[in-house]
Amino acid sequence: MEAIRTALNIDSWTFSGHSTGGFLELKYAVMYQESLNQLIAGGLCASYEYMEHPNSIYCPENSNNPRMKEIFSELRNPDTPREKKSSCLKNG
């Protein structure tokens, strides 16, 4: 995506993703935050089974699940400062 943005001579843009594309969107946001105006995300899960797999951060059995929930809570909270949201995305 970044190569496309650069090739098109676009300074910054809005990026959108759904399902697996939503995961790509989040990764892009972490790697190229300066290239984004905003994100539009929806349905960020490839399948329901993915959420139940122990290796998935969405599975309650995964040791990273509690932290993932904390991060998403901070990102959804309108009172969370932008700097803290950015830190959550970069540092987990």
Protein backbone atom coordinates (compact mmCIF):
# COMPACT_ATOMS: atom_id res chain seq x y z
CA MET A 1 0.00 0.00 0.00
CA GLU A 2 2.81 2.39 0.82
CA ALA A 3 4.46 1.76 -2.55
CA ILE A 4 1.16 2.52 -4.27
CA ARG A 5 0.69 5.74 -2.27
CA THR A 6 4.22 6.84 -3.11
CA ALA A 7 3.89 5.94 -6.81
CA LEU A 8 0.71 8.01 -7.03
CA ASN A 9 2.43 10.99 -5.36
CA ILE A 10 -0.18 11.13 -2.62
CA ASP A 11 1.07 12.81 0.56
CA SER A 12 -1.42 11.12 2.89
CA TRP A 13 -4.66 9.24 2.52
CA THR A 14 -7.52 7.44 4.21
CA PHE A 15 -7.14 3.68 4.31
CA SER A 16 -10.00 1.24 4.61
CA GLY A 17 -10.09 -2.48 5.23
CA HIS A 18 -12.59 -5.19 6.03
CA SER A 19 -12.07 -8.70 7.42
CA THR A 20 -8.52 -9.80 6.57
CA GLY A 21 -8.01 -6.43 4.88
CA GLY A 22 -8.74 -4.89 8.26
CA PHE A 23 -5.77 -6.71 9.75
CA LEU A 24 -3.61 -5.42 6.91
CA GLU A 25 -4.99 -1.96 7.59
CA LEU A 26 -3.94 -2.10 11.24
CA LYS A 27 -0.45 -3.29 10.32
CA TYR A 28 -0.17 -0.49 7.76
CA ALA A 29 -1.27 2.03 10.40
CA VAL A 30 1.48 0.88 12.75
CA MET A 31 4.16 0.98 10.07
CA TYR A 32 3.12 4.14 8.17
CA GLN A 33 1.15 6.31 10.56
CA GLU A 34 2.52 9.49 8.97
CA SER A 35 0.92 8.49 5.65
CA LEU A 36 -2.60 8.32 7.05
CA ASN A 37 -5.36 10.86 7.54
CA GLN A 38 -7.71 8.28 9.02
CA LEU A 39 -8.64 4.59 9.09
CA ILE A 40 -12.00 3.04 8.27
CA ALA A 41 -12.18 -0.48 9.65
CA GLY A 42 -14.91 -3.06 9.80
CA GLY A 43 -15.30 -6.74 10.48
CA LEU A 44 -11.70 -7.31 11.48
CA CYS A 45 -11.97 -11.07 11.73
CA ALA A 46 -11.54 -13.50 8.85
CA SER A 47 -13.88 -16.06 10.43
CA TYR A 48 -15.57 -16.96 13.68
CA GLU A 49 -13.32 -20.01 14.00
CA TYR A 50 -10.30 -17.70 13.99
CA MET A 51 -11.56 -16.12 17.20
CA GLU A 52 -11.65 -19.52 18.92
CA HIS A 53 -8.18 -20.67 17.86
CA PRO A 54 -5.77 -20.60 20.86
CA ASN A 55 -3.13 -18.80 18.77
CA SER A 56 -5.53 -15.95 18.00
CA ILE A 57 -5.31 -12.88 20.24
CA TYR A 58 -9.12 -12.85 20.15
CA CYS A 59 -9.32 -16.21 21.91
CA PRO A 60 -9.72 -15.92 25.69
CA GLU A 61 -7.25 -18.80 26.06
CA ASN A 62 -4.48 -16.77 24.42
CA SER A 63 -2.13 -15.11 26.93
CA ASN A 64 -2.19 -11.87 24.87
CA ASN A 65 -6.00 -11.60 24.93
CA PRO A 66 -6.27 -9.44 28.07
CA ARG A 67 -3.76 -6.91 26.71
CA MET A 68 -5.50 -6.85 23.32
CA LYS A 69 -8.76 -6.01 25.10
CA GLU A 70 -7.04 -3.20 27.02
CA ILE A 71 -5.62 -1.76 23.78
CA PHE A 72 -8.97 -1.89 21.98
CA SER A 73 -10.63 -0.28 24.99
CA GLU A 74 -8.14 2.61 24.85
CA LEU A 75 -8.58 2.97 21.09
CA ARG A 76 -12.40 3.10 21.38
CA ASN A 77 -12.38 5.58 24.23
CA PRO A 78 -12.95 9.11 22.85
CA ASP A 79 -11.16 10.54 25.92
CA THR A 80 -7.91 8.68 25.20
CA PRO A 81 -5.34 11.18 23.88
CA ARG A 82 -4.11 10.59 20.33
CA GLU A 83 -0.55 10.08 21.60
CA LYS A 84 -1.67 7.23 23.86
CA LYS A 85 -3.65 5.63 21.02
CA SER A 86 -0.59 5.85 18.80
CA SER A 87 1.54 4.31 21.53
CA CYS A 88 -0.93 1.44 21.89
CA LEU A 89 -0.69 0.69 18.17
CA LYS A 90 3.10 0.89 18.08
CA ASN A 91 3.98 -0.85 21.33
CA GLY A 92 1.03 -3.09 22.03
